[in-house]
Amino acid sequence: MAFCAGLVVGGVLTGMGLVVVGSLIRAPLPDAARWTIVAAALVPVLLREFDVLSFALPENRRLVPESVFRLGRHLGPLQFGIEMGTAMRTYLPSGLPYIGGLAVLLFASWPLAVCAGVGFGLGRGLMTTSNVRYSGVWDAEWLRHSRLLTGLLSAAFVLSLFFLP
């Protein structure tokens, strides 16, 4: 529970940071330029999602350090959840959160940035708890259905962009 709460807190902190920096970046840019930037980043990421293109995204590929548990049973997972919720602690299996972050940077208001952060944290928490609680072999099932899941998640993500202001 503490880990998942930390994921949400980390996501919200990142969303708020993006909206602060974005306020400076988006002021001189017209809407068309901001949409062009999002589209230009979205196309290669979608092609990467479907294995048409292959390129590395900036990420931190480290395992959970043992020092996380020094704070105890609740504060340790909370700390790691916050770090992981910022998306800067471990790698992301999809490139879509990068586009989400870019959309928050270029378009989001404070409430929308908080919602995006909560959504990111809940999504990471759902994946983690689903993996831990699944009675079969989670990774094998994910791989077996990965094409369908990638299509559904990508479509849902692209549709969500139409609700930006």
N, C-alpha and C. Protein backbone atom coordinates (compact mmCIF):
# COMPACT_ATOMS: atom_id res chain seq x y z
N MET A 1 0.82 -1.19 0.00
CA MET A 1 0.00 0.00 0.00
C MET A 1 0.87 1.27 0.00
N ALA A 2 1.92 1.27 0.83
CA ALA A 2 2.81 2.43 0.90
C ALA A 2 3.52 2.64 -0.44
N PHE A 3 3.91 1.54 -1.08
CA PHE A 3 4.58 1.63 -2.37
C PHE A 3 3.67 2.30 -3.40
N CYS A 4 2.42 1.85 -3.48
CA CYS A 4 1.48 2.41 -4.45
C CYS A 4 1.17 3.88 -4.14
N ALA A 5 1.06 4.21 -2.86
CA ALA A 5 0.86 5.62 -2.49
C ALA A 5 2.06 6.45 -2.93
N GLY A 6 3.25 5.90 -2.76
CA GLY A 6 4.45 6.60 -3.21
C GLY A 6 4.48 6.81 -4.71
N LEU A 7 4.00 5.81 -5.46
CA LEU A 7 3.93 5.96 -6.92
C LEU A 7 3.05 7.14 -7.31
N VAL A 8 1.91 7.28 -6.64
CA VAL A 8 1.00 8.38 -6.94
C VAL A 8 1.63 9.72 -6.56
N VAL A 9 2.25 9.77 -5.38
CA VAL A 9 2.91 11.01 -4.95
C VAL A 9 4.00 11.40 -5.93
N GLY A 10 4.82 10.44 -6.33
CA GLY A 10 5.89 10.72 -7.30
C GLY A 10 5.34 11.20 -8.63
N GLY A 11 4.26 10.58 -9.10
CA GLY A 11 3.64 11.02 -10.35
C GLY A 11 3.11 12.44 -10.26
N VAL A 12 2.48 12.76 -9.14
CA VAL A 12 1.93 14.12 -8.96
C VAL A 12 3.07 15.14 -8.89
N LEU A 13 4.14 14.81 -8.17
CA LEU A 13 5.28 15.73 -8.10
C LEU A 13 5.87 15.99 -9.49
N THR A 14 5.99 14.96 -10.29
CA THR A 14 6.50 15.12 -11.64
C THR A 14 5.55 15.96 -12.48
N GLY A 15 4.25 15.68 -12.40
CA GLY A 15 3.27 16.47 -13.14
C GLY A 15 3.33 17.94 -12.77
N MET A 16 3.47 18.22 -11.49
CA MET A 16 3.55 19.61 -11.04
C MET A 16 4.83 20.28 -11.53
N GLY A 17 5.93 19.54 -11.50
CA GLY A 17 7.18 20.09 -12.02
C GLY A 17 7.10 20.38 -13.50
N LEU A 18 6.46 19.48 -14.24
CA LEU A 18 6.31 19.69 -15.69
C LEU A 18 5.45 20.90 -15.99
N VAL A 19 4.41 21.12 -15.20
CA VAL A 19 3.54 22.27 -15.47
C VAL A 19 4.26 23.59 -15.15
N VAL A 20 5.13 23.58 -14.16
CA VAL A 20 5.90 24.80 -13.85
C VAL A 20 6.85 25.12 -15.00
N VAL A 21 7.64 24.14 -15.41
CA VAL A 21 8.57 24.36 -16.52
C VAL A 21 7.80 24.66 -17.81
N GLY A 22 6.70 23.93 -18.01
CA GLY A 22 5.89 24.14 -19.21
C GLY A 22 5.30 25.52 -19.30
N SER A 23 5.01 26.14 -18.16
CA SER A 23 4.46 27.49 -18.18
C SER A 23 5.42 28.46 -18.84
N LEU A 24 6.70 28.21 -18.69
CA LEU A 24 7.71 29.07 -19.32
C LEU A 24 7.89 28.74 -20.80
N ILE A 25 7.81 27.45 -21.12
CA ILE A 25 8.05 27.01 -22.49
C ILE A 25 6.87 27.33 -23.41
N ARG A 26 5.67 27.10 -22.93
CA ARG A 26 4.51 27.22 -23.82
C ARG A 26 4.05 28.65 -24.04
N ALA A 27 4.45 29.57 -23.19
CA ALA A 27 3.98 30.96 -23.33
C ALA A 27 4.23 31.53 -24.72
N PRO A 28 5.43 31.39 -25.28
CA PRO A 28 5.65 31.99 -26.60
C PRO A 28 5.19 31.12 -27.77
N LEU A 29 4.79 29.88 -27.50
CA LEU A 29 4.46 28.96 -28.60
C LEU A 29 2.96 28.96 -28.88
N PRO A 30 2.57 29.11 -30.14
CA PRO A 30 1.15 28.98 -30.48
C PRO A 30 0.71 27.51 -30.37
N ASP A 31 -0.59 27.31 -30.28
CA ASP A 31 -1.14 25.95 -30.16
C ASP A 31 -0.66 25.03 -31.28
N ALA A 32 -0.64 25.54 -32.49
CA ALA A 32 -0.23 24.70 -33.63
C ALA A 32 1.21 24.20 -33.46
N ALA A 33 2.08 25.03 -32.96
CA ALA A 33 3.48 24.61 -32.75
C ALA A 33 3.56 23.55 -31.66
N ARG A 34 2.79 23.73 -30.59
CA ARG A 34 2.81 22.75 -29.51
C ARG A 34 2.26 21.40 -29.98
N TRP A 35 1.18 21.42 -30.77
CA TRP A 35 0.63 20.17 -31.30
C TRP A 35 1.60 19.51 -32.27
N THR A 36 2.31 20.32 -33.03
CA THR A 36 3.31 19.77 -33.96
C THR A 36 4.42 19.06 -33.20
N ILE A 37 4.85 19.63 -32.10
CA ILE A 37 5.88 19.00 -31.28
C ILE A 37 5.39 17.67 -30.72
N VAL A 38 4.17 17.64 -30.21
CA VAL A 38 3.62 16.39 -29.66
C VAL A 38 3.48 15.34 -30.76
N ALA A 39 2.96 15.74 -31.91
CA ALA A 39 2.80 14.78 -33.02
C ALA A 39 4.14 14.26 -33.51
N ALA A 40 5.12 15.15 -33.60
CA ALA A 40 6.45 14.75 -34.07
C ALA A 40 7.11 13.76 -33.11
N ALA A 41 6.82 13.87 -31.84
CA ALA A 41 7.37 12.92 -30.87
C ALA A 41 6.53 11.64 -30.81
N LEU A 42 5.22 11.78 -30.99
CA LEU A 42 4.31 10.64 -30.88
C LEU A 42 4.53 9.61 -31.98
N VAL A 43 4.72 10.05 -33.21
CA VAL A 43 4.84 9.11 -34.33
C VAL A 43 5.99 8.12 -34.14
N PRO A 44 7.20 8.56 -33.87
CA PRO A 44 8.27 7.56 -33.69
C PRO A 44 8.05 6.68 -32.45
N VAL A 45 7.46 7.23 -31.41
CA VAL A 45 7.22 6.41 -30.21
C VAL A 45 6.18 5.33 -30.51
N LEU A 46 5.13 5.68 -31.25
CA LEU A 46 4.15 4.66 -31.63
C LEU A 46 4.79 3.59 -32.52
N LEU A 47 5.62 4.00 -33.44
CA LEU A 47 6.32 3.03 -34.29
C LEU A 47 7.24 2.14 -33.44
N ARG A 48 7.80 2.69 -32.40
CA ARG A 48 8.64 1.90 -31.48
C ARG A 48 7.77 0.91 -30.70
N GLU A 49 6.59 1.35 -30.29
CA GLU A 49 5.69 0.47 -29.54
C GLU A 49 5.35 -0.78 -30.34
N PHE A 50 5.21 -0.63 -31.65
CA PHE A 50 4.84 -1.75 -32.51
C PHE A 50 6.05 -2.41 -33.18
N ASP A 51 7.23 -2.15 -32.64
CA ASP A 51 8.48 -2.76 -33.10
C ASP A 51 8.83 -2.47 -34.55
N VAL A 52 8.34 -1.36 -35.08
CA VAL A 52 8.72 -0.93 -36.43
C VAL A 52 10.06 -0.21 -36.37
N LEU A 53 10.24 0.60 -35.34
CA LEU A 53 11.50 1.29 -35.09
C LEU A 53 12.10 0.76 -33.78
N SER A 54 13.39 0.86 -33.68
CA SER A 54 14.06 0.46 -32.45
C SER A 54 15.04 1.54 -32.05
N PHE A 55 14.80 2.17 -30.92
CA PHE A 55 15.71 3.17 -30.39
C PHE A 55 15.53 3.22 -28.88
N ALA A 56 16.57 3.61 -28.22
CA ALA A 56 16.54 3.69 -26.75
C ALA A 56 15.94 5.01 -26.31
N LEU A 57 15.21 4.95 -25.24
CA LEU A 57 14.67 6.16 -24.62
C LEU A 57 15.50 6.45 -23.38
N PRO A 58 15.54 7.70 -22.96
CA PRO A 58 16.29 7.99 -21.74
C PRO A 58 15.64 7.30 -20.55
N GLU A 59 16.40 6.48 -19.87
CA GLU A 59 15.85 5.77 -18.72
C GLU A 59 16.97 5.33 -17.81
N ASN A 60 16.59 4.99 -16.62
CA ASN A 60 17.51 4.57 -15.59
C ASN A 60 17.30 3.08 -15.35
N ARG A 61 18.16 2.24 -15.85
CA ARG A 61 17.98 0.79 -15.75
C ARG A 61 18.74 0.22 -14.56
N ARG A 62 18.29 0.58 -13.37
CA ARG A 62 18.89 0.04 -12.16
C ARG A 62 17.86 -0.76 -11.39
N LEU A 63 18.36 -1.74 -10.68
CA LEU A 63 17.49 -2.53 -9.81
C LEU A 63 17.23 -1.77 -8.52
N VAL A 64 16.28 -2.27 -7.76
CA VAL A 64 15.96 -1.66 -6.48
C VAL A 64 17.15 -1.86 -5.54
N PRO A 65 17.73 -0.78 -5.04
CA PRO A 65 18.87 -0.95 -4.13
C PRO A 65 18.40 -1.46 -2.76
N GLU A 66 19.26 -2.21 -2.13
CA GLU A 66 18.94 -2.74 -0.80
C GLU A 66 18.71 -1.62 0.21
N SER A 67 19.33 -0.46 -0.02
CA SER A 67 19.21 0.64 0.93
C SER A 67 17.78 1.17 1.06
N VAL A 68 16.92 0.84 0.12
CA VAL A 68 15.53 1.28 0.19
C VAL A 68 14.85 0.74 1.45
N PHE A 69 15.26 -0.43 1.86
CA PHE A 69 14.59 -1.08 2.97
C PHE A 69 15.12 -0.63 4.33
N ARG A 70 16.09 0.28 4.35
CA ARG A 70 16.64 0.73 5.62
C ARG A 70 15.64 1.55 6.43
N LEU A 71 14.67 2.11 5.76
CA LEU A 71 13.67 2.94 6.45
C LEU A 71 12.52 2.13 7.04
N GLY A 72 12.55 0.84 6.87
CA GLY A 72 11.51 0.01 7.46
C GLY A 72 10.49 -0.48 6.46
N ARG A 73 9.52 -1.15 6.99
CA ARG A 73 8.52 -1.85 6.18
C ARG A 73 7.57 -0.92 5.41
N HIS A 74 7.34 0.27 5.94
CA HIS A 74 6.40 1.18 5.27
C HIS A 74 7.09 2.37 4.62
N LEU A 75 8.02 2.99 5.32
CA LEU A 75 8.68 4.16 4.75
C LEU A 75 9.62 3.81 3.60
N GLY A 76 10.26 2.64 3.66
CA GLY A 76 11.13 2.20 2.56
C GLY A 76 10.36 2.05 1.26
N PRO A 77 9.27 1.26 1.25
CA PRO A 77 8.48 1.16 0.03
C PRO A 77 7.86 2.49 -0.41
N LEU A 78 7.49 3.34 0.56
CA LEU A 78 6.95 4.65 0.21
C LEU A 78 8.02 5.47 -0.51
N GLN A 79 9.24 5.49 0.04
CA GLN A 79 10.34 6.23 -0.60
C GLN A 79 10.60 5.69 -2.00
N PHE A 80 10.69 4.38 -2.14
CA PHE A 80 10.96 3.83 -3.46
C PHE A 80 9.80 4.10 -4.41
N GLY A 81 8.56 4.04 -3.91
CA GLY A 81 7.41 4.36 -4.75
C GLY A 81 7.45 5.79 -5.25
N ILE A 82 7.82 6.72 -4.38
CA ILE A 82 7.93 8.12 -4.80
C ILE A 82 8.99 8.24 -5.89
N GLU A 83 10.15 7.62 -5.67
CA GLU A 83 11.22 7.69 -6.67
C GLU A 83 10.79 7.05 -7.99
N MET A 84 10.14 5.91 -7.91
CA MET A 84 9.69 5.22 -9.12
C MET A 84 8.53 5.97 -9.78
N GLY A 85 7.70 6.61 -8.98
CA GLY A 85 6.58 7.38 -9.50
C GLY A 85 7.00 8.60 -10.28
N THR A 86 8.22 9.07 -10.03
CA THR A 86 8.72 10.20 -10.81
C THR A 86 9.19 9.75 -12.19
N ALA A 87 9.26 8.43 -12.41
CA ALA A 87 9.73 7.83 -13.67
C ALA A 87 11.22 8.03 -13.87
N MET A 88 11.92 8.40 -12.83
CA MET A 88 13.36 8.62 -12.95
C MET A 88 14.18 7.58 -12.21
N ARG A 89 13.54 6.63 -11.58
CA ARG A 89 14.25 5.65 -10.77
C ARG A 89 14.52 4.36 -11.54
N THR A 90 13.57 3.91 -12.31
CA THR A 90 13.73 2.67 -13.08
C THR A 90 13.27 2.91 -14.51
N TYR A 91 13.43 1.90 -15.33
CA TYR A 91 13.06 2.07 -16.74
C TYR A 91 11.55 1.99 -16.92
N LEU A 92 11.10 2.54 -18.05
CA LEU A 92 9.70 2.48 -18.43
C LEU A 92 9.57 1.49 -19.59
N PRO A 93 8.66 0.53 -19.50
CA PRO A 93 8.53 -0.45 -20.58
C PRO A 93 7.88 0.10 -21.85
N SER A 94 7.33 1.29 -21.77
CA SER A 94 6.66 1.90 -22.91
C SER A 94 7.17 3.33 -23.08
N GLY A 95 7.11 3.82 -24.30
CA GLY A 95 7.48 5.20 -24.56
C GLY A 95 6.33 6.17 -24.40
N LEU A 96 5.12 5.66 -24.23
CA LEU A 96 3.95 6.54 -24.14
C LEU A 96 4.01 7.52 -22.97
N PRO A 97 4.53 7.13 -21.80
CA PRO A 97 4.62 8.13 -20.72
C PRO A 97 5.49 9.34 -21.07
N TYR A 98 6.46 9.15 -21.94
CA TYR A 98 7.26 10.29 -22.36
C TYR A 98 6.39 11.29 -23.13
N ILE A 99 5.52 10.78 -23.96
CA ILE A 99 4.62 11.66 -24.71
C ILE A 99 3.61 12.29 -23.76
N GLY A 100 3.16 11.52 -22.78
CA GLY A 100 2.27 12.08 -21.75
C GLY A 100 2.94 13.23 -21.01
N GLY A 101 4.19 13.04 -20.66
CA GLY A 101 4.93 14.11 -20.00
C GLY A 101 5.09 15.33 -20.89
N LEU A 102 5.34 15.09 -22.17
CA LEU A 102 5.46 16.19 -23.11
C LEU A 102 4.12 16.94 -23.24
N ALA A 103 3.03 16.20 -23.27
CA ALA A 103 1.71 16.83 -23.36
C ALA A 103 1.42 17.65 -22.10
N VAL A 104 1.78 17.13 -20.94
CA VAL A 104 1.61 17.90 -19.70
C VAL A 104 2.47 19.16 -19.77
N LEU A 105 3.70 19.01 -20.20
CA LEU A 105 4.62 20.14 -20.31
C LEU A 105 4.05 21.24 -21.20
N LEU A 106 3.46 20.85 -22.33
CA LEU A 106 3.03 21.83 -23.33
C LEU A 106 1.58 22.30 -23.21
N PHE A 107 0.75 21.56 -22.46
CA PHE A 107 -0.68 21.90 -22.46
C PHE A 107 -1.35 21.97 -21.10
N ALA A 108 -0.86 21.27 -20.11
CA ALA A 108 -1.65 21.03 -18.90
C ALA A 108 -1.78 22.24 -17.98
N SER A 109 -2.95 22.31 -17.37
CA SER A 109 -3.19 23.23 -16.27
C SER A 109 -2.79 22.48 -14.99
N TRP A 110 -2.83 23.17 -13.86
CA TRP A 110 -2.49 22.50 -12.59
C TRP A 110 -3.36 21.27 -12.34
N PRO A 111 -4.70 21.39 -12.43
CA PRO A 111 -5.53 20.20 -12.16
C PRO A 111 -5.26 19.05 -13.13
N LEU A 112 -5.05 19.38 -14.40
CA LEU A 112 -4.77 18.34 -15.38
C LEU A 112 -3.42 17.67 -15.12
N ALA A 113 -2.44 18.45 -14.70
CA ALA A 113 -1.13 17.88 -14.37
C ALA A 113 -1.23 16.94 -13.17
N VAL A 114 -2.02 17.31 -12.18
CA VAL A 114 -2.22 16.44 -11.01
C VAL A 114 -2.92 15.16 -11.44
N CYS A 115 -3.94 15.29 -12.29
CA CYS A 115 -4.65 14.09 -12.79
C CYS A 115 -3.72 13.18 -13.57
N ALA A 116 -2.87 13.76 -14.40
CA ALA A 116 -1.91 12.95 -15.17
C ALA A 116 -0.95 12.24 -14.23
N GLY A 117 -0.48 12.93 -13.21
CA GLY A 117 0.42 12.33 -12.24
C GLY A 117 -0.23 11.20 -11.47
N VAL A 118 -1.47 11.41 -11.06
CA VAL A 118 -2.22 10.36 -10.36
C VAL A 118 -2.42 9.17 -11.29
N GLY A 119 -2.78 9.43 -12.53
CA GLY A 119 -2.97 8.35 -13.51
C GLY A 119 -1.71 7.56 -13.74
N PHE A 120 -0.58 8.26 -13.85
CA PHE A 120 0.70 7.56 -14.05
C PHE A 120 1.01 6.69 -12.84
N GLY A 121 0.87 7.24 -11.66
CA GLY A 121 1.14 6.47 -10.44
C GLY A 121 0.22 5.28 -10.29
N LEU A 122 -1.06 5.47 -10.55
CA LEU A 122 -2.01 4.35 -10.46
C LEU A 122 -1.72 3.29 -11.51
N GLY A 123 -1.34 3.72 -12.70
CA GLY A 123 -1.00 2.77 -13.77
C GLY A 123 0.20 1.92 -13.40
N ARG A 124 1.23 2.56 -12.87
CA ARG A 124 2.42 1.80 -12.44
C ARG A 124 2.06 0.88 -11.28
N GLY A 125 1.22 1.36 -10.38
CA GLY A 125 0.80 0.53 -9.25
C GLY A 125 -0.01 -0.66 -9.69
N LEU A 126 -0.90 -0.46 -10.67
CA LEU A 126 -1.71 -1.55 -11.18
C LEU A 126 -0.84 -2.63 -11.82
N MET A 127 0.13 -2.20 -12.61
CA MET A 127 1.03 -3.18 -13.25
C MET A 127 1.82 -3.96 -12.20
N THR A 128 2.31 -3.27 -11.20
CA THR A 128 3.12 -3.93 -10.18
C THR A 128 2.29 -4.91 -9.35
N THR A 129 1.14 -4.46 -8.88
CA THR A 129 0.31 -5.34 -8.05
C THR A 129 -0.28 -6.48 -8.87
N SER A 130 -0.58 -6.23 -10.12
CA SER A 130 -1.09 -7.31 -10.97
C SER A 130 -0.03 -8.38 -11.16
N ASN A 131 1.19 -7.97 -11.37
CA ASN A 131 2.29 -8.91 -11.54
C ASN A 131 2.49 -9.74 -10.27
N VAL A 132 2.49 -9.07 -9.13
CA VAL A 132 2.73 -9.75 -7.85
C VAL A 132 1.60 -10.71 -7.51
N ARG A 133 0.38 -10.33 -7.79
CA ARG A 133 -0.78 -11.13 -7.37
C ARG A 133 -1.28 -12.13 -8.41
N TYR A 134 -0.71 -12.11 -9.59
CA TYR A 134 -1.14 -13.03 -10.64
C TYR A 134 -0.70 -14.45 -10.30
N SER A 135 -1.62 -15.39 -10.45
CA SER A 135 -1.30 -16.76 -10.06
C SER A 135 -0.46 -17.51 -11.09
N GLY A 136 -0.47 -17.05 -12.33
CA GLY A 136 0.32 -17.70 -13.38
C GLY A 136 1.65 -16.99 -13.58
N VAL A 137 2.15 -17.10 -14.77
CA VAL A 137 3.41 -16.44 -15.12
C VAL A 137 3.05 -15.15 -15.87
N TRP A 138 3.08 -14.04 -15.13
CA TRP A 138 2.64 -12.75 -15.65
C TRP A 138 3.36 -12.38 -16.94
N ASP A 139 4.67 -12.46 -16.94
CA ASP A 139 5.44 -12.02 -18.11
C ASP A 139 5.09 -12.83 -19.35
N ALA A 140 4.89 -14.13 -19.19
CA ALA A 140 4.53 -14.97 -20.33
C ALA A 140 3.16 -14.58 -20.88
N GLU A 141 2.23 -14.32 -20.00
CA GLU A 141 0.88 -13.90 -20.43
C GLU A 141 0.95 -12.54 -21.13
N TRP A 142 1.73 -11.62 -20.57
CA TRP A 142 1.86 -10.30 -21.18
C TRP A 142 2.43 -10.43 -22.59
N LEU A 143 3.47 -11.24 -22.74
CA LEU A 143 4.08 -11.43 -24.05
C LEU A 143 3.12 -12.08 -25.04
N ARG A 144 2.34 -13.01 -24.56
CA ARG A 144 1.39 -13.71 -25.43
C ARG A 144 0.34 -12.74 -25.99
N HIS A 145 -0.03 -11.76 -25.21
CA HIS A 145 -1.08 -10.81 -25.62
C HIS A 145 -0.51 -9.41 -25.90
N SER A 146 0.78 -9.31 -26.04
CA SER A 146 1.40 -7.99 -26.13
C SER A 146 0.95 -7.18 -27.34
N ARG A 147 0.74 -7.81 -28.45
CA ARG A 147 0.31 -7.07 -29.65
C ARG A 147 -1.04 -6.41 -29.42
N LEU A 148 -1.99 -7.18 -28.90
CA LEU A 148 -3.32 -6.64 -28.61
C LEU A 148 -3.25 -5.56 -27.53
N LEU A 149 -2.51 -5.82 -26.46
CA LEU A 149 -2.40 -4.86 -25.38
C LEU A 149 -1.72 -3.57 -25.84
N THR A 150 -0.70 -3.70 -26.65
CA THR A 150 -0.02 -2.52 -27.18
C THR A 150 -0.98 -1.69 -28.03
N GLY A 151 -1.77 -2.36 -28.85
CA GLY A 151 -2.75 -1.65 -29.68
C GLY A 151 -3.80 -0.94 -28.85
N LEU A 152 -4.33 -1.63 -27.85
CA LEU A 152 -5.36 -1.03 -27.00
C LEU A 152 -4.82 0.14 -26.18
N LEU A 153 -3.66 -0.05 -25.58
CA LEU A 153 -3.07 1.02 -24.77
C LEU A 153 -2.68 2.21 -25.64
N SER A 154 -2.13 1.96 -26.81
CA SER A 154 -1.76 3.05 -27.71
C SER A 154 -2.98 3.82 -28.18
N ALA A 155 -4.03 3.09 -28.55
CA ALA A 155 -5.26 3.75 -29.00
C ALA A 155 -5.88 4.58 -27.88
N ALA A 156 -5.93 4.03 -26.68
CA ALA A 156 -6.49 4.78 -25.56
C ALA A 156 -5.66 6.03 -25.28
N PHE A 157 -4.35 5.90 -25.38
CA PHE A 157 -3.48 7.05 -25.14
C PHE A 157 -3.71 8.13 -26.18
N VAL A 158 -3.73 7.76 -27.46
CA VAL A 158 -3.93 8.75 -28.52
C VAL A 158 -5.30 9.41 -28.37
N LEU A 159 -6.32 8.65 -28.05
CA LEU A 159 -7.65 9.24 -27.84
C LEU A 159 -7.64 10.24 -26.69
N SER A 160 -6.88 9.95 -25.65
CA SER A 160 -6.84 10.87 -24.51
C SER A 160 -6.25 12.22 -24.90
N LEU A 161 -5.39 12.24 -25.91
CA LEU A 161 -4.81 13.52 -26.35
C LEU A 161 -5.87 14.47 -26.91
N PHE A 162 -6.95 13.92 -27.41
CA PHE A 162 -8.02 14.76 -27.97
C PHE A 162 -8.78 15.52 -26.89
N PHE A 163 -8.56 15.17 -25.63
CA PHE A 163 -9.25 15.85 -24.55
C PHE A 163 -8.40 16.93 -23.90
N LEU A 164 -7.22 17.18 -24.48
CA LEU A 164 -6.40 18.26 -23.97
C LEU A 164 -7.02 19.60 -24.36
N PRO A 165 -6.76 20.60 -23.57
CA PRO A 165 -7.36 21.93 -23.88
C PRO A 165 -6.83 22.51 -25.17
